[in-house]
Amino acid sequence: MNAPEFRILVVDDCEPMRRQICSLVKTQADLCVVAEVADGVEAVQRAQELQPDLILLDIGLPTLNGLEAAQLIRQVAPGAKIIFVTQNNHPDVVRAALATEASGYVLKTDAGRELLAAVDAVRQGKQYLGSRLSTRTDAIDAEAPKQPLMQTPRVCDHAVQFHLDDESLLTGFTAFIEAALKDGSAVIALMTTSHLESLLHRLQAKGLNIAAAVVEGRYIPLDVADTLATFMVNDLPDPVRFNKVTEDLVVAAAKAAEGDRPRVVACGEVAPYLWAGGNADAAIQLEHLWDEMANKRELDTLCGYVLQSGQREQEGDMYDRICAEHSRVSSGRGSSTPF
């Protein structure tokens, strides 16, 4: 008699990532994807309805993040195991995830070689921690008694928008920066000189005093090519130089941010600039470094890509890899064609 199918609910708002996860699951005859959902609220609803054996759960979800969703899922589907599949490797977030009684934690960039192993471990009643996290397990465990989890840590948003043209790109960046400045946040904008000039006019038209924000240090516009020159070595981002440059920027911006808990956001087209220049590997490495910095410094970041006609189809693997580095993926404002 064949073993009963192991029923799996896949939760991720990044459609290419969901597709990759489902493809991996479907390579195993005894694993069955019973549903795919894209946000935390629907994840809880479907978990209650379907009572799956396992939930593969992202953390950076819209409406309700994965940590919050996991706590509710525990109540409505207590028999379901949970493996977090995310790009967030911050120790506080890993600790919070494991505190939900999750059975596993796998980084998205390692899912291709680790996800099925994690599923197999969970089916055997074991807990699985991704290989790049396992070296930090002792530190996480050692800190837990000293730093008990009092509340769900802030989950940073490393978002990406894909656009059809520059007009759509600038509309998306304008909305992001306007909201952040009105909230009292400090903004780091890394773009081409021409885009920075266009943004200046758009933000001023919104009634924002950008000149004052620059003087106060709450708006830091930087040319993308000049910024890349500070940390690129042999056409690849040097991690040490990158961390030094970005740390200094974030610390300076945080001093100018307003409010009880100063907040810094960053947006730009640094990795897109590299991809457009034919250096795809450097773009992926830079996205990964930005993701690590975002989690370390609690940054919300927005990356904007302009895709030429047919580029997604022609360079689908690169598109999927970029999506996997982000917590949220969307088409840009003003796009007439859905991505």
Protein backbone atom coordinates (compact mmCIF):
# COMPACT_ATOMS: atom_id res chain seq x y z
CA MET A 1 0.00 0.00 0.00
CA ASN A 2 1.34 3.42 -0.95
CA ALA A 3 2.03 5.91 1.83
CA PRO A 4 -0.60 8.67 2.10
CA GLU A 5 0.23 11.92 0.41
CA PHE A 6 1.84 14.59 2.55
CA ARG A 7 -0.35 17.66 1.96
CA ILE A 8 1.41 21.02 1.69
CA LEU A 9 0.17 24.63 1.66
CA VAL A 10 2.58 27.08 -0.03
CA VAL A 11 2.49 30.71 1.12
CA ASP A 12 4.56 33.38 -0.65
CA ASP A 13 3.59 36.66 -2.29
CA CYS A 14 6.37 36.30 -4.88
CA GLU A 15 4.82 34.37 -7.76
CA PRO A 16 8.15 33.13 -9.23
CA MET A 17 9.19 31.89 -5.79
CA ARG A 18 5.87 30.07 -5.33
CA ARG A 19 6.37 28.50 -8.73
CA GLN A 20 9.87 27.35 -7.79
CA ILE A 21 8.72 25.90 -4.47
CA CYS A 22 5.78 24.09 -6.03
CA SER A 23 8.02 22.67 -8.76
CA LEU A 24 10.38 21.29 -6.11
CA VAL A 25 7.54 19.75 -4.13
CA LYS A 26 6.02 18.14 -7.21
CA THR A 27 9.24 16.24 -7.95
CA GLN A 28 8.32 13.96 -5.04
CA ALA A 29 5.42 11.61 -5.76
CA ASP A 30 4.24 11.47 -2.15
CA LEU A 31 4.14 15.27 -1.70
CA CYS A 32 1.03 17.19 -2.75
CA VAL A 33 0.52 20.97 -3.00
CA VAL A 34 -3.07 21.47 -1.87
CA ALA A 35 -3.08 25.27 -2.33
CA GLU A 36 -0.96 28.33 -3.04
CA VAL A 37 -1.67 31.70 -1.39
CA ALA A 38 0.00 35.10 -1.44
CA ASP A 39 -0.77 36.80 1.89
CA GLY A 40 -0.89 36.04 5.59
CA VAL A 41 -4.63 36.43 6.12
CA GLU A 42 -5.48 33.97 3.35
CA ALA A 43 -2.82 31.60 4.71
CA VAL A 44 -4.65 31.42 8.03
CA GLN A 45 -8.00 30.94 6.29
CA ARG A 46 -6.76 28.19 4.00
CA ALA A 47 -4.90 26.46 6.82
CA GLN A 48 -8.13 26.29 8.80
CA GLU A 49 -10.08 25.07 5.78
CA LEU A 50 -7.61 22.50 4.44
CA GLN A 51 -5.80 21.34 7.61
CA PRO A 52 -2.56 20.61 5.68
CA ASP A 53 0.24 18.46 7.02
CA LEU A 54 2.84 21.16 6.31
CA ILE A 55 2.90 24.88 5.52
CA LEU A 56 5.83 26.41 3.66
CA LEU A 57 5.57 29.98 4.91
CA ASP A 58 7.29 33.19 3.86
CA ILE A 59 7.83 35.92 6.47
CA GLY A 60 7.59 39.12 4.41
CA LEU A 61 3.90 38.84 3.52
CA PRO A 62 1.37 41.63 2.91
CA THR A 63 -1.49 42.31 5.35
CA LEU A 64 -0.24 39.84 7.97
CA ASN A 65 3.42 38.83 8.12
CA GLY A 66 4.50 35.22 8.40
CA LEU A 67 5.34 35.34 12.10
CA GLU A 68 1.91 36.70 12.95
CA ALA A 69 0.24 34.25 10.59
CA ALA A 70 2.09 31.32 12.21
CA GLN A 71 0.75 32.24 15.64
CA LEU A 72 -2.83 32.22 14.32
CA ILE A 73 -2.28 29.04 12.32
CA ARG A 74 -1.25 27.31 15.55
CA GLN A 75 -4.78 27.98 16.82
CA VAL A 76 -6.78 27.00 13.73
CA ALA A 77 -4.60 24.15 12.40
CA PRO A 78 -2.65 22.79 15.38
CA GLY A 79 -1.63 19.64 13.53
CA ALA A 80 0.12 21.50 10.71
CA LYS A 81 3.91 21.69 10.72
CA ILE A 82 5.51 24.94 9.55
CA ILE A 83 8.75 25.51 7.67
CA PHE A 84 9.64 29.16 7.14
CA VAL A 85 11.05 29.77 3.66
CA THR A 86 12.38 33.31 3.66
CA GLN A 87 15.34 35.51 2.83
CA ASN A 88 15.41 37.02 6.33
CA ASN A 89 18.41 35.72 8.28
CA HIS A 90 18.39 38.18 11.18
CA PRO A 91 18.96 36.27 14.46
CA ASP A 92 16.01 37.98 16.18
CA VAL A 93 13.69 36.94 13.36
CA VAL A 94 15.03 33.36 13.31
CA ARG A 95 14.55 33.19 17.07
CA ALA A 96 11.01 34.54 16.78
CA ALA A 97 10.19 32.05 14.04
CA LEU A 98 11.42 29.09 16.07
CA ALA A 99 9.48 30.42 19.06
CA THR A 100 6.26 29.80 17.09
CA GLU A 101 7.14 26.09 17.34
CA ALA A 102 8.09 26.05 13.67
CA SER A 103 9.70 22.85 12.47
CA GLY A 104 12.14 24.43 10.04
CA TYR A 105 13.78 27.55 8.63
CA VAL A 106 15.25 27.66 5.11
CA LEU A 107 16.69 30.65 3.24
CA LYS A 108 15.12 31.21 -0.17
CA THR A 109 18.48 31.31 -1.91
CA ASP A 110 19.18 27.82 -0.54
CA ALA A 111 15.73 26.36 -1.20
CA GLY A 112 16.80 24.56 -4.36
CA ARG A 113 19.19 22.31 -2.46
CA GLU A 114 17.71 22.37 1.06
CA LEU A 115 13.92 22.55 0.92
CA LEU A 116 13.21 18.88 0.18
CA ALA A 117 15.72 17.86 2.85
CA ALA A 118 13.88 20.12 5.30
CA VAL A 119 10.53 18.58 4.38
CA ASP A 120 11.95 15.09 4.82
CA ALA A 121 13.39 15.99 8.23
CA VAL A 122 10.09 17.44 9.39
CA ARG A 123 8.22 14.32 8.28
CA GLN A 124 10.54 12.34 10.54
CA GLY A 125 9.67 14.57 13.48
CA LYS A 126 12.92 16.55 13.39
CA GLN A 127 13.61 20.26 13.22
CA TYR A 128 15.55 21.62 10.25
CA LEU A 129 17.67 24.79 10.26
CA GLY A 130 19.27 25.89 6.98
CA SER A 131 22.98 25.25 6.56
CA ARG A 132 23.90 28.92 6.49
CA LEU A 133 22.00 29.41 9.73
CA SER A 134 23.25 26.31 11.52
CA THR A 135 26.56 27.98 12.40
CA ARG A 136 24.53 30.57 14.30
CA THR A 137 22.32 28.09 16.14
CA ASP A 138 24.39 28.10 19.32
CA ALA A 139 24.38 31.90 19.45
CA ILE A 140 20.62 32.02 18.89
CA ASP A 141 19.99 29.40 21.57
CA ALA A 142 22.40 31.03 24.01
CA GLU A 143 20.77 34.42 23.64
CA ALA A 144 17.22 33.18 24.03
CA PRO A 145 17.20 32.89 27.86
CA LYS A 146 18.88 36.28 28.23
CA GLN A 147 16.64 38.01 25.72
CA PRO A 148 13.17 36.47 26.03
CA LEU A 149 10.86 37.22 23.15
CA MET A 150 8.49 39.93 24.37
CA GLN A 151 6.99 40.83 21.01
CA THR A 152 7.27 39.94 17.35
CA PRO A 153 10.34 41.72 15.95
CA ARG A 154 9.87 44.17 13.14
CA VAL A 155 10.04 42.43 9.78
CA CYS A 156 11.79 44.61 7.25
CA ASP A 157 10.38 45.07 3.76
CA HIS A 158 12.86 44.53 0.95
CA ALA A 159 10.51 45.17 -1.96
CA VAL A 160 11.03 45.20 -5.71
CA GLN A 161 8.92 46.83 -8.40
CA PHE A 162 9.19 45.99 -12.09
CA HIS A 163 8.28 48.76 -14.52
CA LEU A 164 7.65 49.12 -18.21
CA ASP A 165 9.24 52.57 -18.53
CA ASP A 166 10.98 55.40 -16.68
CA GLU A 167 7.70 57.24 -16.09
CA SER A 168 6.31 54.31 -14.12
CA LEU A 169 9.61 53.89 -12.26
CA LEU A 170 9.68 57.53 -11.17
CA THR A 171 6.02 57.44 -10.14
CA GLY A 172 6.74 54.50 -7.84
CA PHE A 173 9.83 56.10 -6.29
CA THR A 174 8.04 59.43 -5.82
CA ALA A 175 5.22 57.79 -3.87
CA PHE A 176 7.70 55.82 -1.72
CA ILE A 177 9.85 58.84 -0.86
CA GLU A 178 6.89 61.17 -0.29
CA ALA A 179 5.31 58.78 2.21
CA ALA A 180 8.61 58.25 4.04
CA LEU A 181 9.45 61.96 4.37
CA LYS A 182 5.94 62.83 5.55
CA ASP A 183 6.31 60.08 8.16
CA GLY A 184 9.49 61.67 9.51
CA SER A 185 11.77 59.00 8.11
CA ALA A 186 15.14 59.66 6.54
CA VAL A 187 15.51 58.57 2.92
CA ILE A 188 18.59 57.34 1.05
CA ALA A 189 17.98 57.50 -2.72
CA LEU A 190 20.53 55.89 -5.06
CA MET A 191 19.68 56.61 -8.70
CA THR A 192 21.02 58.00 -11.92
CA THR A 193 21.57 61.75 -11.99
CA SER A 194 18.75 62.28 -14.48
CA HIS A 195 16.31 60.32 -12.32
CA LEU A 196 17.34 62.22 -9.21
CA GLU A 197 16.64 65.51 -11.00
CA SER A 198 13.23 64.29 -12.14
CA LEU A 199 12.44 63.12 -8.62
CA LEU A 200 13.37 66.51 -7.21
CA HIS A 201 10.81 68.26 -9.41
CA ARG A 202 8.13 65.65 -8.67
CA LEU A 203 8.65 65.81 -4.90
CA GLN A 204 8.64 69.60 -4.91
CA ALA A 205 5.39 69.50 -6.87
CA LYS A 206 3.98 67.43 -4.00
CA GLY A 207 4.68 70.33 -1.66
CA LEU A 208 7.79 68.83 -0.02
CA ASN A 209 10.68 71.11 0.95
CA ILE A 210 13.43 68.90 -0.46
CA ALA A 211 16.15 71.53 -0.07
CA ALA A 212 15.49 71.65 3.68
CA ALA A 213 15.36 67.85 3.88
CA VAL A 214 18.77 67.64 2.21
CA VAL A 215 20.27 70.23 4.58
CA GLU A 216 18.79 68.38 7.58
CA GLY A 217 20.17 65.06 6.28
CA ARG A 218 16.70 63.50 5.99
CA TYR A 219 17.00 63.15 2.22
CA ILE A 220 20.29 61.80 0.87
CA PRO A 221 20.33 61.64 -2.96
CA LEU A 222 23.32 59.78 -4.39
CA ASP A 223 24.37 59.07 -7.96
CA VAL A 224 24.34 55.35 -8.62
CA ALA A 225 27.57 55.23 -10.63
CA ASP A 226 29.49 57.25 -8.04
CA THR A 227 28.16 55.03 -5.24
CA LEU A 228 29.09 51.82 -7.04
CA ALA A 229 32.64 53.10 -7.47
CA THR A 230 33.05 53.14 -3.67
CA PHE A 231 32.62 49.39 -3.18
CA MET A 232 32.99 47.55 -6.51
CA VAL A 233 36.17 45.49 -6.97
CA ASN A 234 36.86 43.59 -10.21
CA ASP A 235 33.25 44.20 -11.34
CA LEU A 236 31.77 42.65 -8.18
CA PRO A 237 30.59 44.26 -4.92
CA ASP A 238 33.16 43.85 -2.16
CA PRO A 239 31.21 42.91 1.01
CA VAL A 240 33.55 44.70 3.41
CA ARG A 241 33.55 47.93 1.43
CA PHE A 242 29.80 47.69 0.82
CA ASN A 243 29.05 47.25 4.52
CA LYS A 244 31.30 50.17 5.48
CA VAL A 245 29.74 52.52 2.92
CA THR A 246 26.14 51.60 3.68
CA GLU A 247 26.62 51.51 7.47
CA ASP A 248 28.01 55.04 7.39
CA LEU A 249 25.07 56.21 5.27
CA VAL A 250 22.45 54.60 7.48
CA VAL A 251 24.01 55.89 10.72
CA ALA A 252 24.14 59.42 9.33
CA ALA A 253 20.54 59.23 8.09
CA ALA A 254 19.29 57.81 11.40
CA LYS A 255 20.60 60.88 13.24
CA ALA A 256 18.40 63.09 11.08
CA ALA A 257 15.25 60.95 11.20
CA GLU A 258 12.42 62.18 13.39
CA GLY A 259 10.28 60.40 15.97
CA ASP A 260 10.78 58.25 19.06
CA ARG A 261 12.27 55.45 16.98
CA PRO A 262 14.15 57.04 14.05
CA ARG A 263 13.53 55.14 10.83
CA VAL A 264 15.61 55.02 7.67
CA VAL A 265 14.43 53.81 4.29
CA ALA A 266 16.37 53.32 1.10
CA CYS A 267 15.35 53.15 -2.53
CA GLY A 268 17.08 53.07 -5.84
CA GLU A 269 18.34 51.33 -8.90
CA VAL A 270 21.86 50.18 -8.03
CA ALA A 271 21.43 46.46 -8.80
CA PRO A 272 19.18 47.31 -11.79
CA TYR A 273 21.97 49.55 -13.09
CA LEU A 274 24.35 46.57 -12.97
CA TRP A 275 21.89 44.23 -14.68
CA ALA A 276 21.20 46.78 -17.41
CA GLY A 277 24.97 47.02 -17.91
CA GLY A 278 25.25 43.27 -18.46
CA ASN A 279 26.63 42.37 -15.02
CA ALA A 280 23.85 40.08 -13.76
CA ASP A 281 26.00 38.23 -11.22
CA ALA A 282 27.02 41.47 -9.54
CA ALA A 283 23.37 42.57 -9.44
CA ILE A 284 22.33 39.40 -7.59
CA GLN A 285 25.23 39.66 -5.14
CA LEU A 286 24.37 43.29 -4.46
CA GLU A 287 20.69 42.46 -3.85
CA HIS A 288 21.79 39.85 -1.32
CA LEU A 289 24.07 42.31 0.46
CA TRP A 290 21.26 44.89 0.57
CA ASP A 291 18.94 42.27 2.03
CA GLU A 292 21.41 41.47 4.80
CA MET A 293 21.91 45.19 5.55
CA ALA A 294 18.15 45.79 5.59
CA ASN A 295 17.66 43.09 8.21
CA LYS A 296 20.66 44.21 10.25
CA ARG A 297 19.65 47.87 10.33
CA GLU A 298 15.83 47.46 10.13
CA LEU A 299 15.68 49.23 6.77
CA ASP A 300 12.71 49.22 4.46
CA THR A 301 14.03 49.22 0.92
CA LEU A 302 12.52 49.54 -2.56
CA CYS A 303 14.37 48.45 -5.69
CA GLY A 304 13.08 49.58 -9.08
CA TYR A 305 13.73 47.76 -12.35
CA VAL A 306 12.69 48.83 -15.84
CA LEU A 307 12.27 45.74 -18.00
CA GLN A 308 12.46 46.07 -21.76
CA SER A 309 9.85 44.36 -23.92
CA GLY A 310 10.36 40.59 -23.76
CA GLN A 311 13.21 40.84 -21.24
CA ARG A 312 11.39 38.82 -18.57
CA GLU A 313 10.84 35.97 -21.02
CA GLN A 314 14.36 36.12 -22.43
CA GLU A 315 16.08 36.34 -19.03
CA GLY A 316 13.54 34.46 -16.91
CA ASP A 317 16.14 32.82 -14.68
CA MET A 318 17.63 36.19 -13.75
CA TYR A 319 14.15 37.59 -13.09
CA ASP A 320 13.34 34.69 -10.76
CA ARG A 321 16.64 35.08 -8.91
CA ILE A 322 15.97 38.77 -8.33
CA CYS A 323 12.47 38.04 -7.04
CA ALA A 324 13.86 35.45 -4.62
CA GLU A 325 16.09 38.10 -3.02
CA HIS A 326 13.09 40.26 -2.10
CA SER A 327 10.32 40.02 0.46
CA ARG A 328 7.70 41.55 -1.85
CA VAL A 329 7.31 41.75 -5.63
CA SER A 330 4.96 43.94 -7.63
CA SER A 331 4.50 45.66 -10.95
CA GLY A 332 5.08 49.39 -10.87
CA ARG A 333 2.44 52.09 -10.61
CA GLY A 334 1.22 53.10 -14.01
CA SER A 335 2.22 49.82 -15.69
CA SER A 336 -0.26 48.90 -18.36
CA THR A 337 0.81 45.28 -18.58
CA PRO A 338 0.77 42.96 -15.58
CA PHE A 339 4.02 41.32 -14.58
